[in-house]
Amino acid sequence: MNKDKINVAVFCDVYYPMIDGVVKVMESQIKYLKDRVNFYLFVPKAPKGYVEKPIGEVKLTRVKAVKIFFIDYQMVTPKFDSKFKKELKSLDLDLIMIHSPFGLGKYGIKYAKKHNIPSIIYAHSQIKQDFKRAVKFNFIANIMLWFTMRRYNKCTMVVPVGEGIKDIYLNEYGMKNDTYVINNATDMKFLENKELISDLIKKYNIDNNKIIFSFLGRINKLKGLWLIADSLKVVKEKGLDFQMIFIGEGLDRQELEEYVKKLGLENNVIFTARLSCRDEIAALLQISDLFLFPSLYDTNSLVQIEAASQKTPSLLIKGSVTAFGLEDGKHCFLSDYDVDKYSSKILEISNKENLKKMGELAYKNMYRTWENSHNILYNLMIKLIEENKN
């Protein structure tokens, strides 16, 4: 590794083959900053048979973990992994970067404190919603949240991925630490590969004469997917001819597929397999006329920016964190979190010419690439390292 670069250990409790927004943020940081930073990546063990996806010269260490049956993620057990501890001990680190505050993140925070190294922790998600879904009881979720905020407060700097999630952590979660907002973006560019688009239209039997809707992300109830299904039932009853593409995998996929059948929408809905090819994802987003994303859980979601990169407008929820600062008719379309209102909005805007115009506006006003965000992150890392030396 190049000693002229800064040495940064990255800790995250999720990584490939699991794909979510956190993984995509982390991967893009490493790809963009690898010429200025020596990254050492610590992530959970991969399933047997998984072929590792290399990221340049990055040193990747898989850490022992066990699957938790009621959520999509694994519980990492770094304390019991001697190989991991030996690898970490061998490094001369300038900074610790943490993308999740649990098993590996908790270990990284303690390591940074013990070795007097500055640490950055990201605020990616509304973690209280995760806790409430996992344990069902508010008082237990609040206890879990209190312990988690203690970890955030022990880091040198908290980086929320948007102003909306910053407000939640400070005003609702009781976090007391310093924050520096770095907005999410995307590495996805407008896809020019018409052959791939044509191939996917054939593969999934997509009829471009119909209005094509899409969703991209983890198939998880927290994402508002049942609202999509219920709204599309109303839309179908009102006579709109459409197809809906769900792109992704997740804990609730089988239940959602069964619910779609119960509503009589199975001939209108397409479920893809997990897609790791970014061009295929871009192609399906570009094929779509409207991206449906009624999530009250997401914070500053990458997927709505990725949809905008393909000139596909989104229908988001008014007042949601992921719609913070966005205007109806300028960046996206907005509706209430209500089946009648969401379905009415779909019917109101579902005209291909109208959606194409809004797609151009989304591309102009909402699409942004990672270059600026990652330069801001690098400057923040240098600042914290220099301050720690003084």
Protein backbone atom coordinates (compact mmCIF):
# COMPACT_ATOMS: atom_id res chain seq x y z
CA MET A 1 0.00 0.00 0.00
CA ASN A 2 1.12 3.55 -0.78
CA LYS A 3 2.36 5.26 2.40
CA ASP A 4 1.87 8.72 0.88
CA LYS A 5 -1.86 8.14 1.18
CA ILE A 6 -3.86 8.20 4.40
CA ASN A 7 -4.76 4.84 5.95
CA VAL A 8 -8.47 4.34 6.68
CA ALA A 9 -10.21 1.26 8.08
CA VAL A 10 -13.86 0.92 7.05
CA PHE A 11 -16.27 -1.10 9.20
CA CYS A 12 -19.69 -2.20 7.98
CA ASP A 13 -22.11 -4.94 9.07
CA VAL A 14 -23.36 -5.55 5.53
CA TYR A 15 -21.60 -6.22 2.22
CA TYR A 16 -21.92 -8.20 -1.00
CA PRO A 17 -23.73 -10.38 -1.91
CA MET A 18 -26.26 -8.37 0.11
CA ILE A 19 -26.85 -5.12 -1.79
CA ASP A 20 -28.41 -2.05 -0.20
CA GLY A 21 -27.85 1.69 -0.21
CA VAL A 22 -25.15 1.52 2.46
CA VAL A 23 -23.10 -0.96 0.42
CA LYS A 24 -23.39 1.22 -2.68
CA VAL A 25 -22.31 4.36 -0.76
CA MET A 26 -19.33 2.57 0.76
CA GLU A 27 -18.25 1.01 -2.52
CA SER A 28 -18.43 4.32 -4.38
CA GLN A 29 -16.34 6.05 -1.68
CA ILE A 30 -13.63 3.42 -2.02
CA LYS A 31 -13.64 3.49 -5.82
CA TYR A 32 -13.50 7.26 -6.02
CA LEU A 33 -10.94 7.92 -3.26
CA LYS A 34 -8.62 4.91 -3.72
CA ASP A 35 -5.91 7.08 -5.33
CA ARG A 36 -5.75 9.22 -2.18
CA VAL A 37 -6.66 6.71 0.53
CA ASN A 38 -5.43 3.24 1.48
CA PHE A 39 -8.70 1.55 2.43
CA TYR A 40 -8.90 -1.55 4.65
CA LEU A 41 -12.41 -2.94 4.52
CA PHE A 42 -13.88 -5.11 7.31
CA VAL A 43 -17.24 -6.73 6.54
CA PRO A 44 -19.23 -9.90 7.43
CA LYS A 45 -18.30 -13.30 6.07
CA ALA A 46 -19.75 -14.24 2.69
CA PRO A 47 -21.91 -17.31 1.97
CA LYS A 48 -20.15 -20.43 0.75
CA GLY A 49 -19.52 -20.36 -2.98
CA TYR A 50 -19.71 -16.58 -3.28
CA VAL A 51 -17.09 -15.21 -5.70
CA GLU A 52 -15.54 -12.10 -4.18
CA LYS A 53 -16.04 -8.81 -5.99
CA PRO A 54 -12.69 -6.95 -5.91
CA ILE A 55 -12.45 -3.16 -5.57
CA GLY A 56 -9.02 -2.24 -6.89
CA GLU A 57 -6.20 -2.67 -4.35
CA VAL A 58 -8.47 -2.50 -1.32
CA LYS A 59 -7.60 -4.99 1.41
CA LEU A 60 -10.83 -6.81 2.27
CA THR A 61 -11.20 -8.89 5.43
CA ARG A 62 -14.29 -11.01 6.02
CA VAL A 63 -15.25 -11.31 9.70
CA LYS A 64 -17.08 -14.15 11.43
CA ALA A 65 -20.85 -13.70 11.55
CA VAL A 66 -24.10 -15.57 12.17
CA LYS A 67 -27.40 -15.15 10.30
CA ILE A 68 -30.27 -13.55 12.20
CA PHE A 69 -33.42 -15.28 11.00
CA PHE A 70 -35.89 -12.38 11.46
CA ILE A 71 -33.95 -9.67 9.59
CA ASP A 72 -32.04 -9.41 6.31
CA TYR A 73 -28.64 -9.03 7.95
CA GLN A 74 -26.01 -11.06 9.80
CA MET A 75 -24.73 -10.51 13.35
CA VAL A 76 -20.99 -10.03 13.13
CA THR A 77 -18.88 -11.48 15.97
CA PRO A 78 -15.47 -9.72 15.77
CA LYS A 79 -14.53 -10.59 19.37
CA PHE A 80 -14.32 -14.25 18.39
CA ASP A 81 -12.33 -13.75 15.19
CA SER A 82 -8.59 -13.93 15.90
CA LYS A 83 -7.69 -13.48 12.22
CA PHE A 84 -9.64 -10.21 12.09
CA LYS A 85 -8.03 -8.90 15.28
CA LYS A 86 -4.55 -9.81 14.05
CA GLU A 87 -5.15 -8.05 10.72
CA LEU A 88 -6.47 -4.91 12.42
CA LYS A 89 -3.58 -4.83 14.89
CA SER A 90 -1.05 -4.91 12.02
CA LEU A 91 -2.33 -1.67 10.50
CA ASP A 92 -0.99 1.85 11.01
CA LEU A 93 -4.30 3.71 10.76
CA ASP A 94 -5.02 7.42 10.48
CA LEU A 95 -8.80 7.22 10.72
CA ILE A 96 -11.70 4.82 11.31
CA MET A 97 -14.85 5.07 9.17
CA ILE A 98 -18.02 3.32 10.32
CA HIS A 99 -21.13 2.65 8.25
CA SER A 100 -23.18 0.80 10.89
CA PRO A 101 -23.18 1.16 14.69
CA PHE A 102 -23.56 -2.52 15.57
CA GLY A 103 -21.15 -5.50 15.70
CA LEU A 104 -18.26 -4.29 13.55
CA GLY A 105 -19.06 -0.62 14.01
CA LYS A 106 -19.10 -0.97 17.80
CA TYR A 107 -15.70 -2.68 17.64
CA GLY A 108 -14.34 0.08 15.38
CA ILE A 109 -15.50 2.81 17.76
CA LYS A 110 -13.74 1.15 20.70
CA TYR A 111 -10.59 0.62 18.61
CA ALA A 112 -10.51 4.29 17.59
CA LYS A 113 -10.91 5.43 21.21
CA LYS A 114 -8.24 3.05 22.50
CA HIS A 115 -5.69 4.09 19.85
CA ASN A 116 -6.59 7.80 19.81
CA ILE A 117 -7.63 7.73 16.14
CA PRO A 118 -10.37 10.04 14.78
CA SER A 119 -13.56 8.30 13.74
CA ILE A 120 -16.40 9.12 11.35
CA ILE A 121 -19.74 7.35 11.67
CA TYR A 122 -22.48 7.59 9.06
CA ALA A 123 -26.18 8.16 9.82
CA HIS A 124 -27.75 6.27 6.93
CA SER A 125 -31.13 5.14 8.25
CA GLN A 126 -33.99 5.62 10.67
CA ILE A 127 -32.73 2.90 12.96
CA LYS A 128 -35.56 3.24 15.46
CA GLN A 129 -37.92 1.86 12.80
CA ASP A 130 -35.62 -1.16 12.42
CA PHE A 131 -35.64 -1.71 16.18
CA LYS A 132 -39.43 -1.42 16.45
CA ARG A 133 -39.94 -3.96 13.70
CA ALA A 134 -37.47 -6.39 15.26
CA VAL A 135 -38.67 -6.26 18.90
CA LYS A 136 -42.29 -4.98 18.56
CA PHE A 137 -42.22 -3.12 21.89
CA ASN A 138 -41.58 0.64 22.00
CA PHE A 139 -39.83 0.66 25.37
CA ILE A 140 -37.32 -1.99 24.24
CA ALA A 141 -36.75 -0.11 20.97
CA ASN A 142 -36.09 3.07 22.97
CA ILE A 143 -33.52 1.29 25.16
CA MET A 144 -31.77 -0.06 22.05
CA LEU A 145 -31.83 3.43 20.54
CA TRP A 146 -30.31 4.95 23.69
CA PHE A 147 -27.38 2.53 23.61
CA THR A 148 -26.90 3.12 19.88
CA MET A 149 -26.81 6.91 20.30
CA ARG A 150 -24.12 6.47 22.96
CA ARG A 151 -21.99 4.90 20.25
CA TYR A 152 -22.67 7.78 17.86
CA ASN A 153 -21.71 10.25 20.58
CA LYS A 154 -18.34 8.51 21.09
CA CYS A 155 -17.19 9.16 17.51
CA THR A 156 -15.32 12.26 16.37
CA MET A 157 -17.91 13.21 13.74
CA VAL A 158 -21.33 12.00 12.59
CA VAL A 159 -22.06 12.24 8.86
CA PRO A 160 -25.80 12.22 8.08
CA VAL A 161 -26.60 11.57 4.41
CA GLY A 162 -29.11 14.44 4.29
CA GLU A 163 -30.53 17.33 6.32
CA GLY A 164 -33.70 15.38 7.10
CA ILE A 165 -31.93 12.50 8.82
CA LYS A 166 -29.66 14.94 10.67
CA ASP A 167 -32.76 16.54 12.23
CA ILE A 168 -34.11 13.14 13.27
CA TYR A 169 -30.87 12.08 14.99
CA LEU A 170 -30.50 15.39 16.83
CA ASN A 171 -34.12 16.19 17.66
CA GLU A 172 -35.81 12.79 17.93
CA TYR A 173 -33.04 10.33 18.80
CA GLY A 174 -31.25 12.58 21.29
CA MET A 175 -27.82 12.44 19.67
CA LYS A 176 -25.46 15.14 21.00
CA ASN A 177 -22.45 14.84 18.70
CA ASP A 178 -21.13 17.14 15.96
CA THR A 179 -22.54 16.54 12.48
CA TYR A 180 -21.41 17.21 8.92
CA VAL A 181 -24.01 16.52 6.22
CA ILE A 182 -22.74 14.86 3.02
CA ASN A 183 -25.59 14.20 0.60
CA ASN A 184 -26.01 10.92 -1.22
CA ALA A 185 -25.53 10.76 -4.99
CA THR A 186 -24.91 8.04 -7.60
CA ASP A 187 -22.27 6.69 -9.96
CA MET A 188 -24.98 5.73 -12.44
CA LYS A 189 -24.92 7.50 -15.81
CA PHE A 190 -27.65 7.68 -18.43
CA LEU A 191 -27.51 4.32 -20.21
CA GLU A 192 -26.89 4.46 -23.97
CA ASN A 193 -26.92 0.68 -24.48
CA LYS A 194 -30.13 0.25 -26.50
CA GLU A 195 -29.33 -3.40 -27.21
CA LEU A 196 -29.35 -4.25 -23.49
CA ILE A 197 -32.61 -2.36 -23.04
CA SER A 198 -34.16 -4.31 -25.91
CA ASP A 199 -32.89 -7.61 -24.46
CA LEU A 200 -34.44 -6.91 -21.05
CA ILE A 201 -37.75 -5.88 -22.61
CA LYS A 202 -37.84 -9.32 -24.25
CA LYS A 203 -36.57 -11.17 -21.16
CA TYR A 204 -39.27 -9.78 -18.88
CA ASN A 205 -42.02 -9.53 -21.53
CA ILE A 206 -42.39 -5.80 -21.00
CA ASP A 207 -45.02 -4.05 -23.12
CA ASN A 208 -43.94 -0.47 -23.79
CA ASN A 209 -47.44 0.44 -24.92
CA LYS A 210 -48.46 0.16 -21.27
CA ILE A 211 -47.44 2.49 -18.44
CA ILE A 212 -44.40 0.88 -16.79
CA PHE A 213 -43.87 1.39 -13.05
CA SER A 214 -40.83 0.23 -11.07
CA PHE A 215 -39.41 -0.11 -7.57
CA LEU A 216 -35.74 -0.75 -6.74
CA GLY A 217 -34.42 -1.83 -3.36
CA ARG A 218 -34.79 -4.31 -0.54
CA ILE A 219 -38.18 -6.01 -0.52
CA ASN A 220 -39.08 -4.90 2.98
CA LYS A 221 -42.39 -3.75 4.47
CA LEU A 222 -40.72 -0.60 5.78
CA LYS A 223 -40.37 0.60 2.16
CA GLY A 224 -44.13 1.08 1.63
CA LEU A 225 -44.47 -1.84 -0.78
CA TRP A 226 -47.93 -2.84 0.44
CA LEU A 227 -49.08 0.72 -0.29
CA ILE A 228 -47.81 0.25 -3.85
CA ALA A 229 -49.71 -3.03 -4.22
CA ASP A 230 -52.94 -1.65 -2.77
CA SER A 231 -52.69 1.48 -4.92
CA LEU A 232 -52.09 -0.54 -8.08
CA LYS A 233 -55.19 -2.62 -7.36
CA VAL A 234 -57.21 0.62 -7.38
CA VAL A 235 -55.40 1.80 -10.51
CA LYS A 236 -56.24 -1.46 -12.28
CA GLU A 237 -59.88 -1.24 -11.24
CA LYS A 238 -59.97 2.28 -12.71
CA GLY A 239 -58.89 0.85 -16.07
CA LEU A 240 -55.23 1.88 -16.40
CA ASP A 241 -53.18 -0.69 -18.35
CA PHE A 242 -49.79 -1.06 -16.67
CA GLN A 243 -46.89 -3.29 -15.67
CA MET A 244 -45.01 -3.03 -12.39
CA ILE A 245 -41.37 -4.17 -11.98
CA PHE A 246 -40.02 -4.95 -8.50
CA ILE A 247 -36.21 -4.99 -8.70
CA GLY A 248 -34.56 -6.57 -5.68
CA GLU A 249 -34.66 -9.22 -2.98
CA GLY A 250 -35.41 -9.13 0.71
CA LEU A 251 -36.98 -10.65 3.78
CA ASP A 252 -40.55 -9.90 2.70
CA ARG A 253 -40.38 -10.87 -0.96
CA GLN A 254 -42.35 -14.12 -0.71
CA GLU A 255 -45.05 -12.45 1.37
CA LEU A 256 -45.30 -9.60 -1.14
CA GLU A 257 -45.57 -12.03 -4.06
CA GLU A 258 -48.42 -13.81 -2.27
CA TYR A 259 -50.13 -10.49 -1.55
CA VAL A 260 -49.86 -9.46 -5.21
CA LYS A 261 -51.60 -12.71 -6.19
CA LYS A 262 -54.28 -12.15 -3.55
CA LEU A 263 -55.01 -8.76 -5.12
CA GLY A 264 -55.21 -10.30 -8.60
CA LEU A 265 -52.19 -8.38 -9.88
CA GLU A 266 -49.92 -11.31 -10.76
CA ASN A 267 -50.32 -10.69 -14.51
CA ASN A 268 -49.36 -7.03 -14.06
CA VAL A 269 -46.35 -7.47 -11.78
CA ILE A 270 -42.80 -8.63 -12.56
CA PHE A 271 -40.34 -9.68 -9.85
CA THR A 272 -36.72 -9.78 -10.98
CA ALA A 273 -33.96 -11.76 -9.33
CA ARG A 274 -31.31 -9.88 -7.36
CA LEU A 275 -29.42 -7.81 -9.94
CA SER A 276 -25.76 -6.95 -9.37
CA CYS A 277 -25.17 -5.63 -12.91
CA ARG A 278 -25.51 -1.86 -12.72
CA ASP A 279 -26.27 -1.56 -16.44
CA GLU A 280 -29.21 -3.96 -16.12
CA ILE A 281 -30.58 -1.93 -13.22
CA ALA A 282 -30.14 1.28 -15.22
CA ALA A 283 -31.87 -0.31 -18.20
CA LEU A 284 -34.92 -1.35 -16.17
CA LEU A 285 -35.14 2.12 -14.62
CA GLN A 286 -34.92 3.68 -18.07
CA ILE A 287 -37.62 1.35 -19.42
CA SER A 288 -39.90 2.56 -16.60
CA ASP A 289 -42.18 5.55 -17.01
CA LEU A 290 -42.54 6.18 -13.26
CA PHE A 291 -40.55 5.09 -10.21
CA LEU A 292 -42.79 4.33 -7.21
CA PHE A 293 -41.07 4.93 -3.87
CA PRO A 294 -43.54 5.57 -1.01
CA SER A 295 -40.96 4.91 1.72
CA LEU A 296 -41.26 6.60 5.10
CA TYR A 297 -38.13 4.73 6.20
CA ASP A 298 -35.42 5.87 3.76
CA THR A 299 -33.41 9.00 4.48
CA ASN A 300 -31.85 10.33 1.27
CA SER A 301 -32.30 7.32 -0.94
CA LEU A 302 -29.88 6.52 -3.73
CA VAL A 303 -32.59 4.80 -5.77
CA GLN A 304 -34.59 7.93 -6.51
CA ILE A 305 -31.36 9.59 -7.71
CA GLU A 306 -30.59 6.52 -9.82
CA ALA A 307 -34.07 6.72 -11.36
CA ALA A 308 -33.45 10.39 -12.14
CA SER A 309 -30.16 9.41 -13.82
CA GLN A 310 -32.25 7.47 -16.37
CA LYS A 311 -34.71 10.37 -16.80
CA THR A 312 -37.40 8.49 -14.91
CA PRO A 313 -39.42 10.57 -12.41
CA SER A 314 -40.31 9.36 -8.91
CA LEU A 315 -43.55 9.46 -6.94
CA LEU A 316 -42.53 10.05 -3.31
CA ILE A 317 -44.39 10.82 -0.10
CA LYS A 318 -44.96 14.38 1.13
CA GLY A 319 -43.09 15.03 4.36
CA SER A 320 -40.96 11.87 4.13
CA VAL A 321 -37.29 12.19 5.02
CA THR A 322 -36.19 11.00 1.57
CA ALA A 323 -38.31 13.76 -0.02
CA PHE A 324 -36.76 16.46 2.19
CA GLY A 325 -36.22 19.66 0.17
CA LEU A 326 -37.86 18.25 -2.99
CA GLU A 327 -40.69 20.08 -4.76
CA ASP A 328 -43.67 18.52 -6.51
CA GLY A 329 -43.36 19.14 -10.24
CA LYS A 330 -39.74 20.32 -10.04
CA HIS A 331 -37.77 17.33 -8.72
CA CYS A 332 -40.41 14.60 -8.57
CA PHE A 333 -44.09 13.98 -7.90
CA LEU A 334 -45.39 14.00 -4.31
CA SER A 335 -48.44 12.41 -2.69
CA ASP A 336 -49.75 11.49 0.75
CA TYR A 337 -49.16 8.10 2.36
CA ASP A 338 -52.69 6.95 1.65
CA VAL A 339 -53.97 4.37 -0.83
CA ASP A 340 -56.73 6.57 -2.25
CA LYS A 341 -54.48 9.61 -2.65
CA TYR A 342 -51.45 7.68 -3.91
CA SER A 343 -53.52 5.78 -6.49
CA SER A 344 -55.28 9.01 -7.54
CA LYS A 345 -51.90 10.68 -8.07
CA ILE A 346 -50.73 7.73 -10.19
CA LEU A 347 -53.85 8.00 -12.35
CA GLU A 348 -53.48 11.79 -12.62
CA ILE A 349 -49.89 11.73 -13.89
CA SER A 350 -49.87 8.46 -15.89
CA ASN A 351 -49.50 9.91 -19.33
CA LYS A 352 -46.31 8.96 -21.18
CA GLU A 353 -45.72 12.46 -22.57
CA ASN A 354 -46.29 14.03 -19.15
CA LEU A 355 -43.98 11.53 -17.45
CA LYS A 356 -41.27 12.05 -20.05
CA LYS A 357 -41.28 15.82 -19.39
CA MET A 358 -41.04 15.23 -15.64
CA GLY A 359 -38.22 12.76 -16.25
CA GLU A 360 -36.20 15.48 -17.96
CA LEU A 361 -36.79 17.78 -14.97
CA ALA A 362 -35.74 15.02 -12.55
CA TYR A 363 -32.54 14.53 -14.54
CA LYS A 364 -31.85 18.26 -14.44
CA ASN A 365 -32.83 19.03 -10.83
CA MET A 366 -32.38 15.81 -8.85
CA TYR A 367 -29.58 13.81 -10.48
CA ARG A 368 -26.14 14.30 -8.92
CA THR A 369 -22.92 12.28 -9.08
CA TRP A 370 -20.58 11.26 -6.28
CA GLU A 371 -17.61 13.46 -7.25
CA ASN A 372 -18.56 16.44 -5.09
CA SER A 373 -19.74 14.36 -2.11
CA HIS A 374 -16.59 12.24 -1.98
CA ASN A 375 -14.28 15.24 -2.29
CA ILE A 376 -16.11 16.74 0.71
CA LEU A 377 -15.60 13.47 2.62
CA TYR A 378 -11.87 13.39 1.81
CA ASN A 379 -11.42 16.99 3.00
CA LEU A 380 -13.28 16.14 6.21
CA MET A 381 -11.03 13.12 6.83
CA ILE A 382 -7.88 15.23 6.34
CA LYS A 383 -9.25 17.91 8.67
CA LEU A 384 -10.00 15.42 11.47
CA ILE A 385 -6.61 13.72 11.09
CA GLU A 386 -4.75 17.06 11.26
CA GLU A 387 -6.79 18.23 14.26
CA ASN A 388 -6.04 14.97 16.04
CA LYS A 389 -2.29 15.54 15.62
CA ASN A 390 -2.42 18.99 17.23
